[in-house]
Amino acid sequence: MTRRLLDCRVGDRVVVGAVGATPLRVDKLAALGIVPGVELLVQQTRPVVVVESDETVLAIEREIAADIAVAVMTDPARRAAE
């Protein structure tokens, strides 16, 4: 399932698909490790989106998170609990 990072829920594991932003913003996110193919764990969604990637935790403004397309990884245990 593809959605914006902004629309994810706490606990979602996602894979970055695309970053649809200005070239400068794309470069800044790439420098932080937010590039297509990277797996993220959503830790918080408000007031900013907080994600974990490997050993790094990043706070991303909601406006920027809206420009990041991700694929939600399915977790059978979580789906059964919902």
PDB file of N, CA and C in Angstrom:
ATOM      1  N   MET A   1       0.840  -1.161   0.000  1.00  0.00           N
ATOM      2  CA  MET A   1       0.000   0.000   0.000  1.00  0.00           C
ATOM      3  C   MET A   1       0.895   1.238   0.000  1.00  0.00           C
ATOM      4  N   THR A   2       0.662   2.164  -0.900  1.00  0.00           N
ATOM      5  CA  THR A   2       1.469   3.381  -1.004  1.00  0.00           C
ATOM      6  C   THR A   2       0.703   4.553  -0.409  1.00  0.00           C
ATOM      7  N   ARG A   3       1.401   5.360   0.349  1.00  0.00           N
ATOM      8  CA  ARG A   3       0.799   6.563   0.936  1.00  0.00           C
ATOM      9  C   ARG A   3       1.889   7.567   1.224  1.00  0.00           C
ATOM     10  N   ARG A   4       1.493   8.725   1.694  1.00  0.00           N
ATOM     11  CA  ARG A   4       2.460   9.746   2.097  1.00  0.00           C
ATOM     12  C   ARG A   4       2.953   9.427   3.499  1.00  0.00           C
ATOM     13  N   LEU A   5       4.188   9.746   3.797  1.00  0.00           N
ATOM     14  CA  LEU A   5       4.726   9.540   5.134  1.00  0.00           C
ATOM     15  C   LEU A   5       3.856  10.260   6.162  1.00  0.00           C
ATOM     16  N   LEU A   6       3.330  11.396   5.796  1.00  0.00           N
ATOM     17  CA  LEU A   6       2.468  12.175   6.672  1.00  0.00           C
ATOM     18  C   LEU A   6       1.244  11.383   7.131  1.00  0.00           C
ATOM     19  N   ASP A   7       0.759  10.475   6.299  1.00  0.00           N
ATOM     20  CA  ASP A   7      -0.466   9.731   6.583  1.00  0.00           C
ATOM     21  C   ASP A   7      -0.237   8.418   7.327  1.00  0.00           C
ATOM     22  N   CYS A   8       0.995   8.118   7.644  1.00  0.00           N
ATOM     23  CA  CYS A   8       1.302   6.871   8.343  1.00  0.00           C
ATOM     24  C   CYS A   8       0.948   6.977   9.820  1.00  0.00           C
ATOM     25  N   ARG A   9       0.869   5.816  10.454  1.00  0.00           N
ATOM     26  CA  ARG A   9       0.559   5.746  11.881  1.00  0.00           C
ATOM     27  C   ARG A   9       1.797   5.334  12.670  1.00  0.00           C
ATOM     28  N   VAL A  10       1.778   5.655  13.947  1.00  0.00           N
ATOM     29  CA  VAL A  10       2.871   5.248  14.830  1.00  0.00           C
ATOM     30  C   VAL A  10       2.983   3.727  14.768  1.00  0.00           C
ATOM     31  N   GLY A  11       4.210   3.244  14.606  1.00  0.00           N
ATOM     32  CA  GLY A  11       4.463   1.810  14.528  1.00  0.00           C
ATOM     33  C   GLY A  11       4.537   1.266  13.124  1.00  0.00           C
ATOM     34  N   ASP A  12       4.122   2.063  12.125  1.00  0.00           N
ATOM     35  CA  ASP A  12       4.215   1.596  10.735  1.00  0.00           C
ATOM     36  C   ASP A  12       5.668   1.452  10.327  1.00  0.00           C
ATOM     37  N   ARG A  13       5.978   0.348   9.665  1.00  0.00           N
ATOM     38  CA  ARG A  13       7.282   0.164   9.014  1.00  0.00           C
ATOM     39  C   ARG A  13       7.033   0.446   7.536  1.00  0.00           C
ATOM     40  N   VAL A  14       7.821   1.344   6.987  1.00  0.00           N
ATOM     41  CA  VAL A  14       7.608   1.770   5.608  1.00  0.00           C
ATOM     42  C   VAL A  14       8.924   1.762   4.845  1.00  0.00           C
ATOM     43  N   VAL A  15       8.801   1.734   3.527  1.00  0.00           N
ATOM     44  CA  VAL A  15       9.960   1.850   2.648  1.00  0.00           C
ATOM     45  C   VAL A  15       9.738   3.089   1.789  1.00  0.00           C
ATOM     46  N   VAL A  16      10.731   3.964   1.756  1.00  0.00           N
ATOM     47  CA  VAL A  16      10.626   5.191   0.968  1.00  0.00           C
ATOM     48  C   VAL A  16      10.573   4.826  -0.509  1.00  0.00           C
ATOM     49  N   GLY A  17       9.569   5.377  -1.197  1.00  0.00           N
ATOM     50  CA  GLY A  17       9.422   5.116  -2.622  1.00  0.00           C
ATOM     51  C   GLY A  17       9.938   6.271  -3.463  1.00  0.00           C
ATOM     52  N   ALA A  18       9.538   7.487  -3.089  1.00  0.00           N
ATOM     53  CA  ALA A  18       9.938   8.664  -3.853  1.00  0.00           C
ATOM     54  C   ALA A  18       9.846   9.894  -2.965  1.00  0.00           C
ATOM     55  N   VAL A  19      10.638  10.899  -3.307  1.00  0.00           N
ATOM     56  CA  VAL A  19      10.584  12.172  -2.606  1.00  0.00           C
ATOM     57  C   VAL A  19      10.235  13.216  -3.655  1.00  0.00           C
ATOM     58  N   GLY A  20       9.032  13.749  -3.568  1.00  0.00           N
ATOM     59  CA  GLY A  20       8.562  14.725  -4.550  1.00  0.00           C
ATOM     60  C   GLY A  20       8.668  16.128  -3.997  1.00  0.00           C
ATOM     61  N   ALA A  21       9.836  16.694  -4.041  1.00  0.00           N
ATOM     62  CA  ALA A  21      10.064  18.022  -3.471  1.00  0.00           C
ATOM     63  C   ALA A  21      11.051  18.776  -4.366  1.00  0.00           C
ATOM     64  N   THR A  22      11.422  19.953  -3.925  1.00  0.00           N
ATOM     65  CA  THR A  22      12.396  20.731  -4.684  1.00  0.00           C
ATOM     66  C   THR A  22      13.741  20.008  -4.666  1.00  0.00           C
ATOM     67  N   PRO A  23      14.569  20.235  -5.666  1.00  0.00           N
ATOM     68  CA  PRO A  23      15.880  19.576  -5.684  1.00  0.00           C
ATOM     69  C   PRO A  23      16.702  19.837  -4.419  1.00  0.00           C
ATOM     70  N   LEU A  24      16.624  21.022  -3.867  1.00  0.00           N
ATOM     71  CA  LEU A  24      17.371  21.336  -2.648  1.00  0.00           C
ATOM     72  C   LEU A  24      16.862  20.488  -1.482  1.00  0.00           C
ATOM     73  N   ARG A  25      15.542  20.369  -1.363  1.00  0.00           N
ATOM     74  CA  ARG A  25      14.967  19.575  -0.282  1.00  0.00           C
ATOM     75  C   ARG A  25      15.302  18.093  -0.463  1.00  0.00           C
ATOM     76  N   VAL A  26      15.249  17.619  -1.705  1.00  0.00           N
ATOM     77  CA  VAL A  26      15.601  16.221  -1.976  1.00  0.00           C
ATOM     78  C   VAL A  26      17.042  15.964  -1.566  1.00  0.00           C
ATOM     79  N   ASP A  27      17.939  16.890  -1.892  1.00  0.00           N
ATOM     80  CA  ASP A  27      19.350  16.742  -1.521  1.00  0.00           C
ATOM     81  C   ASP A  27      19.530  16.732   0.000  1.00  0.00           C
ATOM     82  N   LYS A  28      18.808  17.602   0.706  1.00  0.00           N
ATOM     83  CA  LYS A  28      18.920  17.651   2.167  1.00  0.00           C
ATOM     84  C   LYS A  28      18.414  16.352   2.789  1.00  0.00           C
ATOM     85  N   LEU A  29      17.281  15.843   2.286  1.00  0.00           N
ATOM     86  CA  LEU A  29      16.758  14.581   2.813  1.00  0.00           C
ATOM     87  C   LEU A  29      17.709  13.423   2.508  1.00  0.00           C
ATOM     88  N   ALA A  30      18.296  13.447   1.308  1.00  0.00           N
ATOM     89  CA  ALA A  30      19.256  12.393   0.948  1.00  0.00           C
ATOM     90  C   ALA A  30      20.463  12.430   1.877  1.00  0.00           C
ATOM     91  N   ALA A  31      20.903  13.620   2.256  1.00  0.00           N
ATOM     92  CA  ALA A  31      22.035  13.739   3.171  1.00  0.00           C
ATOM     93  C   ALA A  31      21.699  13.160   4.550  1.00  0.00           C
ATOM     94  N   LEU A  32      20.402  13.147   4.885  1.00  0.00           N
ATOM     95  CA  LEU A  32      19.956  12.575   6.161  1.00  0.00           C
ATOM     96  C   LEU A  32      19.634  11.086   6.048  1.00  0.00           C
ATOM     97  N   GLY A  33      19.728  10.566   4.820  1.00  0.00           N
ATOM     98  CA  GLY A  33      19.477   9.141   4.620  1.00  0.00           C
ATOM     99  C   GLY A  33      18.075   8.812   4.151  1.00  0.00           C
ATOM    100  N   ILE A  34      17.258   9.825   3.853  1.00  0.00           N
ATOM    101  CA  ILE A  34      15.898   9.589   3.364  1.00  0.00           C
ATOM    102  C   ILE A  34      15.962   9.536   1.837  1.00  0.00           C
ATOM    103  N   VAL A  35      16.143   8.334   1.328  1.00  0.00           N
ATOM    104  CA  VAL A  35      16.247   8.101  -0.115  1.00  0.00           C
ATOM    105  C   VAL A  35      15.380   6.884  -0.462  1.00  0.00           C
ATOM    106  N   PRO A  36      14.988   6.754  -1.737  1.00  0.00           N
ATOM    107  CA  PRO A  36      14.189   5.590  -2.124  1.00  0.00           C
ATOM    108  C   PRO A  36      14.869   4.278  -1.730  1.00  0.00           C
ATOM    109  N   GLY A  37      14.048   3.375  -1.179  1.00  0.00           N
ATOM    110  CA  GLY A  37      14.530   2.063  -0.782  1.00  0.00           C
ATOM    111  C   GLY A  37      14.873   1.939   0.692  1.00  0.00           C
ATOM    112  N   VAL A  38      14.952   3.052   1.405  1.00  0.00           N
ATOM    113  CA  VAL A  38      15.296   3.028   2.823  1.00  0.00           C
ATOM    114  C   VAL A  38      14.071   2.654   3.654  1.00  0.00           C
ATOM    115  N   GLU A  39      14.283   1.787   4.639  1.00  0.00           N
ATOM    116  CA  GLU A  39      13.210   1.383   5.542  1.00  0.00           C
ATOM    117  C   GLU A  39      13.182   2.311   6.750  1.00  0.00           C
ATOM    118  N   LEU A  40      11.966   2.740   7.115  1.00  0.00           N
ATOM    119  CA  LEU A  40      11.783   3.632   8.255  1.00  0.00           C
ATOM    120  C   LEU A  40      10.755   3.046   9.213  1.00  0.00           C
ATOM    121  N   LEU A  41      10.878   3.370  10.480  1.00  0.00           N
ATOM    122  CA  LEU A  41       9.883   3.035  11.484  1.00  0.00           C
ATOM    123  C   LEU A  41       9.308   4.345  11.995  1.00  0.00           C
ATOM    124  N   VAL A  42       7.991   4.510  11.878  1.00  0.00           N
ATOM    125  CA  VAL A  42       7.334   5.743  12.323  1.00  0.00           C
ATOM    126  C   VAL A  42       7.174   5.675  13.835  1.00  0.00           C
ATOM    127  N   GLN A  43       7.768   6.639  14.541  1.00  0.00           N
ATOM    128  CA  GLN A  43       7.715   6.669  15.999  1.00  0.00           C
ATOM    129  C   GLN A  43       6.722   7.691  16.530  1.00  0.00           C
ATOM    130  N   GLN A  44       6.430   8.719  15.738  1.00  0.00           N
ATOM    131  CA  GLN A  44       5.554   9.803  16.188  1.00  0.00           C
ATOM    132  C   GLN A  44       5.000  10.488  14.958  1.00  0.00           C
ATOM    133  N   THR A  45       3.786  11.055  15.051  1.00  0.00           N
ATOM    134  CA  THR A  45       3.209  11.743  13.903  1.00  0.00           C
ATOM    135  C   THR A  45       2.844  13.193  14.187  1.00  0.00           C
ATOM    136  N   ARG A  46       2.825  13.582  15.441  1.00  0.00           N
ATOM    137  CA  ARG A  46       2.506  14.968  15.803  1.00  0.00           C
ATOM    138  C   ARG A  46       3.356  15.411  16.976  1.00  0.00           C
ATOM    139  N   PRO A  47       3.797  16.646  17.045  1.00  0.00           N
ATOM    140  CA  PRO A  47       3.569  17.737  16.119  1.00  0.00           C
ATOM    141  C   PRO A  47       4.420  17.646  14.854  1.00  0.00           C
ATOM    142  N   VAL A  48       5.444  16.796  14.888  1.00  0.00           N
ATOM    143  CA  VAL A  48       6.239  16.511  13.694  1.00  0.00           C
ATOM    144  C   VAL A  48       6.257  15.003  13.509  1.00  0.00           C
ATOM    145  N   VAL A  49       6.683  14.554  12.339  1.00  0.00           N
ATOM    146  CA  VAL A  49       6.799  13.121  12.087  1.00  0.00           C
ATOM    147  C   VAL A  49       8.200  12.694  12.496  1.00  0.00           C
ATOM    148  N   VAL A  50       8.273  11.727  13.389  1.00  0.00           N
ATOM    149  CA  VAL A  50       9.566  11.225  13.855  1.00  0.00           C
ATOM    150  C   VAL A  50       9.723   9.809  13.339  1.00  0.00           C
ATOM    151  N   VAL A  51      10.843   9.563  12.652  1.00  0.00           N
ATOM    152  CA  VAL A  51      11.107   8.241  12.086  1.00  0.00           C
ATOM    153  C   VAL A  51      12.475   7.759  12.539  1.00  0.00           C
ATOM    154  N   GLU A  52      12.613   6.445  12.557  1.00  0.00           N
ATOM    155  CA  GLU A  52      13.885   5.812  12.886  1.00  0.00           C
ATOM    156  C   GLU A  52      14.369   5.065  11.658  1.00  0.00           C
ATOM    157  N   SER A  53      15.632   5.228  11.350  1.00  0.00           N
ATOM    158  CA  SER A  53      16.274   4.509  10.258  1.00  0.00           C
ATOM    159  C   SER A  53      17.601   3.993  10.784  1.00  0.00           C
ATOM    160  N   ASP A  54      17.718   2.681  10.904  1.00  0.00           N
ATOM    161  CA  ASP A  54      18.895   2.069  11.522  1.00  0.00           C
ATOM    162  C   ASP A  54      19.074   2.638  12.924  1.00  0.00           C
ATOM    163  N   GLU A  55      20.167   3.310  13.187  1.00  0.00           N
ATOM    164  CA  GLU A  55      20.452   3.867  14.514  1.00  0.00           C
ATOM    165  C   GLU A  55      20.148   5.368  14.588  1.00  0.00           C
ATOM    166  N   THR A  56      19.503   5.909  13.557  1.00  0.00           N
ATOM    167  CA  THR A  56      19.249   7.344  13.482  1.00  0.00           C
ATOM    168  C   THR A  56      17.772   7.640  13.680  1.00  0.00           C
ATOM    169  N   VAL A  57      17.466   8.646  14.484  1.00  0.00           N
ATOM    170  CA  VAL A  57      16.095   9.111  14.681  1.00  0.00           C
ATOM    171  C   VAL A  57      16.013  10.527  14.132  1.00  0.00           C
ATOM    172  N   LEU A  58      15.036  10.753  13.241  1.00  0.00           N
ATOM    173  CA  LEU A  58      14.893  12.051  12.587  1.00  0.00           C
ATOM    174  C   LEU A  58      13.506  12.626  12.834  1.00  0.00           C
ATOM    175  N   ALA A  59      13.432  13.928  13.085  1.00  0.00           N
ATOM    176  CA  ALA A  59      12.171  14.646  13.171  1.00  0.00           C
ATOM    177  C   ALA A  59      11.986  15.378  11.844  1.00  0.00           C
ATOM    178  N   ILE A  60      10.855  15.135  11.195  1.00  0.00           N
ATOM    179  CA  ILE A  60      10.586  15.705   9.874  1.00  0.00           C
ATOM    180  C   ILE A  60       9.327  16.563   9.955  1.00  0.00           C
ATOM    181  N   GLU A  61       9.410  17.786   9.501  1.00  0.00           N
ATOM    182  CA  GLU A  61       8.242  18.675   9.492  1.00  0.00           C
ATOM    183  C   GLU A  61       7.122  18.025   8.688  1.00  0.00           C
ATOM    184  N   ARG A  62       5.887  18.255   9.117  1.00  0.00           N
ATOM    185  CA  ARG A  62       4.734  17.637   8.463  1.00  0.00           C
ATOM    186  C   ARG A  62       4.645  18.035   6.982  1.00  0.00           C
ATOM    187  N   GLU A  63       4.990  19.263   6.667  1.00  0.00           N
ATOM    188  CA  GLU A  63       4.968  19.730   5.277  1.00  0.00           C
ATOM    189  C   GLU A  63       5.933  18.905   4.407  1.00  0.00           C
ATOM    190  N   ILE A  64       7.076  18.584   4.956  1.00  0.00           N
ATOM    191  CA  ILE A  64       8.065  17.791   4.230  1.00  0.00           C
ATOM    192  C   ILE A  64       7.620  16.335   4.154  1.00  0.00           C
ATOM    193  N   ALA A  65       7.066  15.807   5.245  1.00  0.00           N
ATOM    194  CA  ALA A  65       6.582  14.421   5.265  1.00  0.00           C
ATOM    195  C   ALA A  65       5.487  14.201   4.219  1.00  0.00           C
ATOM    196  N   ALA A  66       4.754  15.257   3.892  1.00  0.00           N
ATOM    197  CA  ALA A  66       3.705  15.150   2.876  1.00  0.00           C
ATOM    198  C   ALA A  66       4.290  14.898   1.488  1.00  0.00           C
ATOM    199  N   ASP A  67       5.559  15.241   1.284  1.00  0.00           N
ATOM    200  CA  ASP A  67       6.215  15.074  -0.015  1.00  0.00           C
ATOM    201  C   ASP A  67       6.946  13.740  -0.160  1.00  0.00           C
ATOM    202  N   ILE A  68       6.896  12.902   0.871  1.00  0.00           N
ATOM    203  CA  ILE A  68       7.613  11.628   0.845  1.00  0.00           C
ATOM    204  C   ILE A  68       6.615  10.493   0.669  1.00  0.00           C
ATOM    205  N   ALA A  69       6.699   9.804  -0.472  1.00  0.00           N
ATOM    206  CA  ALA A  69       5.830   8.653  -0.750  1.00  0.00           C
ATOM    207  C   ALA A  69       6.493   7.406  -0.194  1.00  0.00           C
ATOM    208  N   VAL A  70       5.693   6.599   0.516  1.00  0.00           N
ATOM    209  CA  VAL A  70       6.221   5.387   1.121  1.00  0.00           C
ATOM    210  C   VAL A  70       5.303   4.213   0.848  1.00  0.00           C
ATOM    211  N   ALA A  71       5.859   3.018   0.919  1.00  0.00           N
ATOM    212  CA  ALA A  71       5.083   1.781   0.840  1.00  0.00           C
ATOM    213  C   ALA A  71       5.076   1.188   2.243  1.00  0.00           C
ATOM    214  N   VAL A  72       3.885   0.931   2.748  1.00  0.00           N
ATOM    215  CA  VAL A  72       3.759   0.352   4.085  1.00  0.00           C
ATOM    216  C   VAL A  72       4.036  -1.137   3.982  1.00  0.00           C
ATOM    217  N   MET A  73       4.932  -1.604   4.838  1.00  0.00           N
ATOM    218  CA  MET A  73       5.254  -3.032   4.861  1.00  0.00           C
ATOM    219  C   MET A  73       4.171  -3.737   5.672  1.00  0.00           C
ATOM    220  N   THR A  74       3.670  -4.832   5.175  1.00  0.00           N
ATOM    221  CA  THR A  74       2.615  -5.544   5.883  1.00  0.00           C
ATOM    222  C   THR A  74       3.199  -6.325   7.045  1.00  0.00           C
ATOM    223  N   ASP A  75       2.511  -6.281   8.143  1.00  0.00           N
ATOM    224  CA  ASP A  75       2.908  -7.000   9.347  1.00  0.00           C
ATOM    225  C   ASP A  75       1.726  -7.846   9.776  1.00  0.00           C
ATOM    226  N   PRO A  76       1.763  -9.164   9.494  1.00  0.00           N
ATOM    227  CA  PRO A  76       0.619 -10.013   9.786  1.00  0.00           C
ATOM    228  C   PRO A  76       0.156  -9.946  11.233  1.00  0.00           C
ATOM    229  N   ALA A  77       1.052  -9.830  12.190  1.00  0.00           N
ATOM    230  CA  ALA A  77       0.665  -9.765  13.595  1.00  0.00           C
ATOM    231  C   ALA A  77      -0.111  -8.487  13.883  1.00  0.00           C
ATOM    232  N   ARG A  78       0.343  -7.397  13.301  1.00  0.00           N
ATOM    233  CA  ARG A  78      -0.336  -6.126  13.527  1.00  0.00           C
ATOM    234  C   ARG A  78      -1.697  -6.116  12.856  1.00  0.00           C
ATOM    235  N   ARG A  79      -1.790  -6.645  11.637  1.00  0.00           N
ATOM    236  CA  ARG A  79      -3.070  -6.674  10.932  1.00  0.00           C
ATOM    237  C   ARG A  79      -4.092  -7.506  11.701  1.00  0.00           C
ATOM    238  N   ALA A  80      -3.643  -8.583  12.310  1.00  0.00           N
ATOM    239  CA  ALA A  80      -4.575  -9.447  13.065  1.00  0.00           C
ATOM    240  C   ALA A  80      -5.090  -8.726  14.307  1.00  0.00           C
ATOM    241  N   ALA A  81      -4.282  -7.838  14.879  1.00  0.00           N
ATOM    242  CA  ALA A  81      -4.670  -7.123  16.082  1.00  0.00           C
ATOM    243  C   ALA A  81      -5.645  -5.994  15.792  1.00  0.00           C
ATOM    244  N   GLU A  82      -5.706  -5.533  14.558  1.00  0.00           N
ATOM    245  CA  GLU A  82      -6.572  -4.396  14.217  1.00  0.00           C
ATOM    246  C   GLU A  82      -8.000  -4.816  13.992  1.00  0.00           C
TER     247      GLU A  82
END
